[in-house]
Amino acid sequence: MERGPAIFAAAVFLLFGTALLVWTGARAWHRAPVAEGARPVVAVPLAVLAGAGSLALGVWCLQHI
């Protein structure tokens, strides 16, 4: 992977993953719905999984620089 696009992709993945995890945590802390119309038992783990996956992709991009 070229250096510039890899850094940009890593930054996007890391920012999105962090924001998603913070937002999910705040919504769960206040017992507010994480996804409209979805059960919290399903929505919270899926959102956490997506955030963690995004962080993992960001780290992977940084490792390939």
PDB file of N, CA and C in Angstrom:
ATOM      1  N   MET A   1       0.846  -1.166   0.000  1.00  0.00           N
ATOM      2  CA  MET A   1       0.000   0.000   0.000  1.00  0.00           C
ATOM      3  C   MET A   1       0.900   1.241   0.000  1.00  0.00           C
ATOM      4  N   GLU A   2       0.514   2.244  -0.735  1.00  0.00           N
ATOM      5  CA  GLU A   2       1.292   3.477  -0.742  1.00  0.00           C
ATOM      6  C   GLU A   2       1.136   4.190   0.588  1.00  0.00           C
ATOM      7  N   ARG A   3       2.101   4.985   0.894  1.00  0.00           N
ATOM      8  CA  ARG A   3       2.163   5.616   2.205  1.00  0.00           C
ATOM      9  C   ARG A   3       1.020   6.607   2.463  1.00  0.00           C
ATOM     10  N   GLY A   4       0.753   7.501   1.551  1.00  0.00           N
ATOM     11  CA  GLY A   4      -0.283   8.527   1.741  1.00  0.00           C
ATOM     12  C   GLY A   4      -1.679   7.943   1.922  1.00  0.00           C
ATOM     13  N   PRO A   5      -2.134   7.094   0.993  1.00  0.00           N
ATOM     14  CA  PRO A   5      -3.454   6.497   1.151  1.00  0.00           C
ATOM     15  C   PRO A   5      -3.573   5.608   2.393  1.00  0.00           C
ATOM     16  N   ALA A   6      -2.485   4.946   2.764  1.00  0.00           N
ATOM     17  CA  ALA A   6      -2.530   4.091   3.952  1.00  0.00           C
ATOM     18  C   ALA A   6      -2.711   4.924   5.209  1.00  0.00           C
ATOM     19  N   ILE A   7      -2.026   6.050   5.286  1.00  0.00           N
ATOM     20  CA  ILE A   7      -2.178   6.923   6.450  1.00  0.00           C
ATOM     21  C   ILE A   7      -3.587   7.502   6.501  1.00  0.00           C
ATOM     22  N   PHE A   8      -4.114   7.926   5.350  1.00  0.00           N
ATOM     23  CA  PHE A   8      -5.467   8.471   5.308  1.00  0.00           C
ATOM     24  C   PHE A   8      -6.498   7.418   5.706  1.00  0.00           C
ATOM     25  N   ALA A   9      -6.381   6.210   5.156  1.00  0.00           N
ATOM     26  CA  ALA A   9      -7.328   5.141   5.483  1.00  0.00           C
ATOM     27  C   ALA A   9      -7.242   4.780   6.960  1.00  0.00           C
ATOM     28  N   ALA A  10      -6.032   4.715   7.498  1.00  0.00           N
ATOM     29  CA  ALA A  10      -5.864   4.398   8.914  1.00  0.00           C
ATOM     30  C   ALA A  10      -6.511   5.466   9.783  1.00  0.00           C
ATOM     31  N   ALA A  11      -6.328   6.727   9.431  1.00  0.00           N
ATOM     32  CA  ALA A  11      -6.923   7.815  10.207  1.00  0.00           C
ATOM     33  C   ALA A  11      -8.446   7.744  10.174  1.00  0.00           C
ATOM     34  N   VAL A  12      -9.000   7.474   9.005  1.00  0.00           N
ATOM     35  CA  VAL A  12     -10.456   7.374   8.886  1.00  0.00           C
ATOM     36  C   VAL A  12     -10.988   6.213   9.718  1.00  0.00           C
ATOM     37  N   PHE A  13     -10.370   5.044   9.597  1.00  0.00           N
ATOM     38  CA  PHE A  13     -10.815   3.884  10.362  1.00  0.00           C
ATOM     39  C   PHE A  13     -10.690   4.125  11.864  1.00  0.00           C
ATOM     40  N   LEU A  14      -9.569   4.701  12.297  1.00  0.00           N
ATOM     41  CA  LEU A  14      -9.361   4.930  13.724  1.00  0.00           C
ATOM     42  C   LEU A  14     -10.337   5.968  14.280  1.00  0.00           C
ATOM     43  N   LEU A  15     -10.571   7.037  13.544  1.00  0.00           N
ATOM     44  CA  LEU A  15     -11.525   8.050  14.010  1.00  0.00           C
ATOM     45  C   LEU A  15     -12.952   7.505  14.051  1.00  0.00           C
ATOM     46  N   PHE A  16     -13.337   6.789  13.021  1.00  0.00           N
ATOM     47  CA  PHE A  16     -14.685   6.227  12.997  1.00  0.00           C
ATOM     48  C   PHE A  16     -14.870   5.210  14.112  1.00  0.00           C
ATOM     49  N   GLY A  17     -13.922   4.313  14.291  1.00  0.00           N
ATOM     50  CA  GLY A  17     -14.026   3.296  15.330  1.00  0.00           C
ATOM     51  C   GLY A  17     -14.109   3.901  16.716  1.00  0.00           C
ATOM     52  N   THR A  18     -13.269   4.902  16.978  1.00  0.00           N
ATOM     53  CA  THR A  18     -13.289   5.570  18.271  1.00  0.00           C
ATOM     54  C   THR A  18     -14.613   6.279  18.498  1.00  0.00           C
ATOM     55  N   ALA A  19     -15.068   7.016  17.500  1.00  0.00           N
ATOM     56  CA  ALA A  19     -16.334   7.737  17.635  1.00  0.00           C
ATOM     57  C   ALA A  19     -17.505   6.775  17.841  1.00  0.00           C
ATOM     58  N   LEU A  20     -17.516   5.671  17.121  1.00  0.00           N
ATOM     59  CA  LEU A  20     -18.606   4.707  17.261  1.00  0.00           C
ATOM     60  C   LEU A  20     -18.608   4.076  18.645  1.00  0.00           C
ATOM     61  N   LEU A  21     -17.439   3.735  19.168  1.00  0.00           N
ATOM     62  CA  LEU A  21     -17.375   3.145  20.497  1.00  0.00           C
ATOM     63  C   LEU A  21     -17.777   4.147  21.584  1.00  0.00           C
ATOM     64  N   VAL A  22     -17.342   5.390  21.452  1.00  0.00           N
ATOM     65  CA  VAL A  22     -17.720   6.411  22.432  1.00  0.00           C
ATOM     66  C   VAL A  22     -19.220   6.672  22.380  1.00  0.00           C
ATOM     67  N   TRP A  23     -19.768   6.804  21.174  1.00  0.00           N
ATOM     68  CA  TRP A  23     -21.193   7.067  21.020  1.00  0.00           C
ATOM     69  C   TRP A  23     -22.026   5.900  21.555  1.00  0.00           C
ATOM     70  N   THR A  24     -21.624   4.685  21.248  1.00  0.00           N
ATOM     71  CA  THR A  24     -22.342   3.506  21.732  1.00  0.00           C
ATOM     72  C   THR A  24     -22.284   3.429  23.250  1.00  0.00           C
ATOM     73  N   GLY A  25     -21.121   3.692  23.814  1.00  0.00           N
ATOM     74  CA  GLY A  25     -20.991   3.678  25.266  1.00  0.00           C
ATOM     75  C   GLY A  25     -21.854   4.730  25.930  1.00  0.00           C
ATOM     76  N   ALA A  26     -21.890   5.926  25.362  1.00  0.00           N
ATOM     77  CA  ALA A  26     -22.717   6.991  25.930  1.00  0.00           C
ATOM     78  C   ALA A  26     -24.200   6.653  25.833  1.00  0.00           C
ATOM     79  N   ARG A  27     -24.613   6.111  24.705  1.00  0.00           N
ATOM     80  CA  ARG A  27     -26.031   5.753  24.542  1.00  0.00           C
ATOM     81  C   ARG A  27     -26.419   4.616  25.494  1.00  0.00           C
ATOM     82  N   ALA A  28     -25.548   3.630  25.630  1.00  0.00           N
ATOM     83  CA  ALA A  28     -25.833   2.506  26.523  1.00  0.00           C
ATOM     84  C   ALA A  28     -25.830   2.966  27.980  1.00  0.00           C
ATOM     85  N   TRP A  29     -24.922   3.878  28.334  1.00  0.00           N
ATOM     86  CA  TRP A  29     -24.840   4.395  29.701  1.00  0.00           C
ATOM     87  C   TRP A  29     -26.135   5.100  30.099  1.00  0.00           C
ATOM     88  N   HIS A  30     -26.723   5.848  29.168  1.00  0.00           N
ATOM     89  CA  HIS A  30     -27.970   6.578  29.440  1.00  0.00           C
ATOM     90  C   HIS A  30     -29.218   5.750  29.142  1.00  0.00           C
ATOM     91  N   ARG A  31     -29.004   4.488  28.813  1.00  0.00           N
ATOM     92  CA  ARG A  31     -30.093   3.573  28.483  1.00  0.00           C
ATOM     93  C   ARG A  31     -30.971   4.095  27.341  1.00  0.00           C
ATOM     94  N   ALA A  32     -30.331   4.759  26.403  1.00  0.00           N
ATOM     95  CA  ALA A  32     -31.006   5.247  25.205  1.00  0.00           C
ATOM     96  C   ALA A  32     -30.796   4.221  24.094  1.00  0.00           C
ATOM     97  N   PRO A  33     -31.690   4.190  23.118  1.00  0.00           N
ATOM     98  CA  PRO A  33     -31.523   3.214  22.034  1.00  0.00           C
ATOM     99  C   PRO A  33     -30.273   3.512  21.200  1.00  0.00           C
ATOM    100  N   VAL A  34     -29.538   2.477  20.898  1.00  0.00           N
ATOM    101  CA  VAL A  34     -28.336   2.618  20.082  1.00  0.00           C
ATOM    102  C   VAL A  34     -28.714   2.670  18.606  1.00  0.00           C
ATOM    103  N   ALA A  35     -29.669   1.863  18.207  1.00  0.00           N
ATOM    104  CA  ALA A  35     -30.173   1.868  16.836  1.00  0.00           C
ATOM    105  C   ALA A  35     -31.698   1.937  16.902  1.00  0.00           C
ATOM    106  N   GLU A  36     -32.262   2.808  16.128  1.00  0.00           N
ATOM    107  CA  GLU A  36     -33.707   2.992  16.137  1.00  0.00           C
ATOM    108  C   GLU A  36     -34.419   1.731  15.672  1.00  0.00           C
ATOM    109  N   GLY A  37     -35.309   1.229  16.500  1.00  0.00           N
ATOM    110  CA  GLY A  37     -36.112   0.067  16.149  1.00  0.00           C
ATOM    111  C   GLY A  37     -35.438  -1.276  16.410  1.00  0.00           C
ATOM    112  N   ALA A  38     -34.223  -1.268  16.934  1.00  0.00           N
ATOM    113  CA  ALA A  38     -33.525  -2.521  17.206  1.00  0.00           C
ATOM    114  C   ALA A  38     -33.475  -2.759  18.715  1.00  0.00           C
ATOM    115  N   ARG A  39     -33.462  -4.018  19.086  1.00  0.00           N
ATOM    116  CA  ARG A  39     -33.361  -4.344  20.509  1.00  0.00           C
ATOM    117  C   ARG A  39     -31.954  -4.039  21.006  1.00  0.00           C
ATOM    118  N   PRO A  40     -31.817  -3.471  22.208  1.00  0.00           N
ATOM    119  CA  PRO A  40     -30.487  -3.150  22.736  1.00  0.00           C
ATOM    120  C   PRO A  40     -29.594  -4.378  22.912  1.00  0.00           C
ATOM    121  N   VAL A  41     -30.212  -5.531  23.151  1.00  0.00           N
ATOM    122  CA  VAL A  41     -29.438  -6.760  23.321  1.00  0.00           C
ATOM    123  C   VAL A  41     -28.682  -7.111  22.040  1.00  0.00           C
ATOM    124  N   VAL A  42     -29.219  -6.716  20.903  1.00  0.00           N
ATOM    125  CA  VAL A  42     -28.588  -6.995  19.611  1.00  0.00           C
ATOM    126  C   VAL A  42     -27.774  -5.791  19.132  1.00  0.00           C
ATOM    127  N   ALA A  43     -28.307  -4.585  19.321  1.00  0.00           N
ATOM    128  CA  ALA A  43     -27.686  -3.389  18.756  1.00  0.00           C
ATOM    129  C   ALA A  43     -26.356  -3.046  19.410  1.00  0.00           C
ATOM    130  N   VAL A  44     -26.267  -3.148  20.720  1.00  0.00           N
ATOM    131  CA  VAL A  44     -25.035  -2.760  21.415  1.00  0.00           C
ATOM    132  C   VAL A  44     -23.861  -3.660  21.023  1.00  0.00           C
ATOM    133  N   PRO A  45     -23.988  -4.989  21.085  1.00  0.00           N
ATOM    134  CA  PRO A  45     -22.840  -5.811  20.674  1.00  0.00           C
ATOM    135  C   PRO A  45     -22.447  -5.631  19.207  1.00  0.00           C
ATOM    136  N   LEU A  46     -23.413  -5.432  18.342  1.00  0.00           N
ATOM    137  CA  LEU A  46     -23.069  -5.224  16.929  1.00  0.00           C
ATOM    138  C   LEU A  46     -22.331  -3.905  16.724  1.00  0.00           C
ATOM    139  N   ALA A  47     -22.759  -2.859  17.426  1.00  0.00           N
ATOM    140  CA  ALA A  47     -22.075  -1.570  17.312  1.00  0.00           C
ATOM    141  C   ALA A  47     -20.663  -1.654  17.891  1.00  0.00           C
ATOM    142  N   VAL A  48     -20.513  -2.352  19.007  1.00  0.00           N
ATOM    143  CA  VAL A  48     -19.181  -2.521  19.598  1.00  0.00           C
ATOM    144  C   VAL A  48     -18.290  -3.342  18.667  1.00  0.00           C
ATOM    145  N   LEU A  49     -18.846  -4.372  18.065  1.00  0.00           N
ATOM    146  CA  LEU A  49     -18.088  -5.194  17.121  1.00  0.00           C
ATOM    147  C   LEU A  49     -17.652  -4.371  15.901  1.00  0.00           C
ATOM    148  N   ALA A  50     -18.542  -3.536  15.392  1.00  0.00           N
ATOM    149  CA  ALA A  50     -18.196  -2.695  14.245  1.00  0.00           C
ATOM    150  C   ALA A  50     -17.121  -1.676  14.619  1.00  0.00           C
ATOM    151  N   GLY A  51     -17.224  -1.094  15.800  1.00  0.00           N
ATOM    152  CA  GLY A  51     -16.206  -0.142  16.245  1.00  0.00           C
ATOM    153  C   GLY A  51     -14.859  -0.801  16.445  1.00  0.00           C
ATOM    154  N   ALA A  52     -14.851  -1.967  17.069  1.00  0.00           N
ATOM    155  CA  ALA A  52     -13.597  -2.695  17.285  1.00  0.00           C
ATOM    156  C   ALA A  52     -12.998  -3.145  15.954  1.00  0.00           C
ATOM    157  N   GLY A  53     -13.845  -3.563  15.028  1.00  0.00           N
ATOM    158  CA  GLY A  53     -13.361  -3.955  13.701  1.00  0.00           C
ATOM    159  C   GLY A  53     -12.739  -2.785  12.963  1.00  0.00           C
ATOM    160  N   SER A  54     -13.337  -1.624  13.096  1.00  0.00           N
ATOM    161  CA  SER A  54     -12.791  -0.438  12.458  1.00  0.00           C
ATOM    162  C   SER A  54     -11.440  -0.058  13.066  1.00  0.00           C
ATOM    163  N   LEU A  55     -11.330  -0.163  14.387  1.00  0.00           N
ATOM    164  CA  LEU A  55     -10.035   0.098  15.027  1.00  0.00           C
ATOM    165  C   LEU A  55      -8.986  -0.910  14.573  1.00  0.00           C
ATOM    166  N   ALA A  56      -9.373  -2.159  14.449  1.00  0.00           N
ATOM    167  CA  ALA A  56      -8.438  -3.187  13.999  1.00  0.00           C
ATOM    168  C   ALA A  56      -7.968  -2.906  12.567  1.00  0.00           C
ATOM    169  N   LEU A  57      -8.871  -2.479  11.702  1.00  0.00           N
ATOM    170  CA  LEU A  57      -8.477  -2.138  10.331  1.00  0.00           C
ATOM    171  C   LEU A  57      -7.534  -0.940  10.307  1.00  0.00           C
ATOM    172  N   GLY A  58      -7.779   0.038  11.167  1.00  0.00           N
ATOM    173  CA  GLY A  58      -6.886   1.190  11.247  1.00  0.00           C
ATOM    174  C   GLY A  58      -5.492   0.800  11.681  1.00  0.00           C
ATOM    175  N   VAL A  59      -5.398  -0.058  12.672  1.00  0.00           N
ATOM    176  CA  VAL A  59      -4.094  -0.538  13.131  1.00  0.00           C
ATOM    177  C   VAL A  59      -3.420  -1.361  12.037  1.00  0.00           C
ATOM    178  N   TRP A  60      -4.186  -2.178  11.350  1.00  0.00           N
ATOM    179  CA  TRP A  60      -3.626  -2.977  10.257  1.00  0.00           C
ATOM    180  C   TRP A  60      -3.047  -2.082   9.155  1.00  0.00           C
ATOM    181  N   CYS A  61      -3.768  -1.010   8.813  1.00  0.00           N
ATOM    182  CA  CYS A  61      -3.264  -0.086   7.798  1.00  0.00           C
ATOM    183  C   CYS A  61      -1.964   0.574   8.248  1.00  0.00           C
ATOM    184  N   LEU A  62      -1.885   0.934   9.521  1.00  0.00           N
ATOM    185  CA  LEU A  62      -0.665   1.561  10.021  1.00  0.00           C
ATOM    186  C   LEU A  62       0.514   0.587  10.041  1.00  0.00           C
ATOM    187  N   GLN A  63       0.238  -0.674  10.254  1.00  0.00           N
ATOM    188  CA  GLN A  63       1.312  -1.655  10.287  1.00  0.00           C
ATOM    189  C   GLN A  63       1.896  -1.911   8.888  1.00  0.00           C
ATOM    190  N   HIS A  64       1.159  -1.592   7.867  1.00  0.00           N
ATOM    191  CA  HIS A  64       1.627  -1.866   6.498  1.00  0.00           C
ATOM    192  C   HIS A  64       2.219  -0.625   5.825  1.00  0.00           C
ATOM    193  N   ILE A  65       2.635   0.318   6.624  1.00  0.00           N
ATOM    194  CA  ILE A  65       3.272   1.529   6.066  1.00  0.00           C
ATOM    195  C   ILE A  65       4.751   1.259   5.923  1.00  0.00           C
TER     196      ILE A  65
END
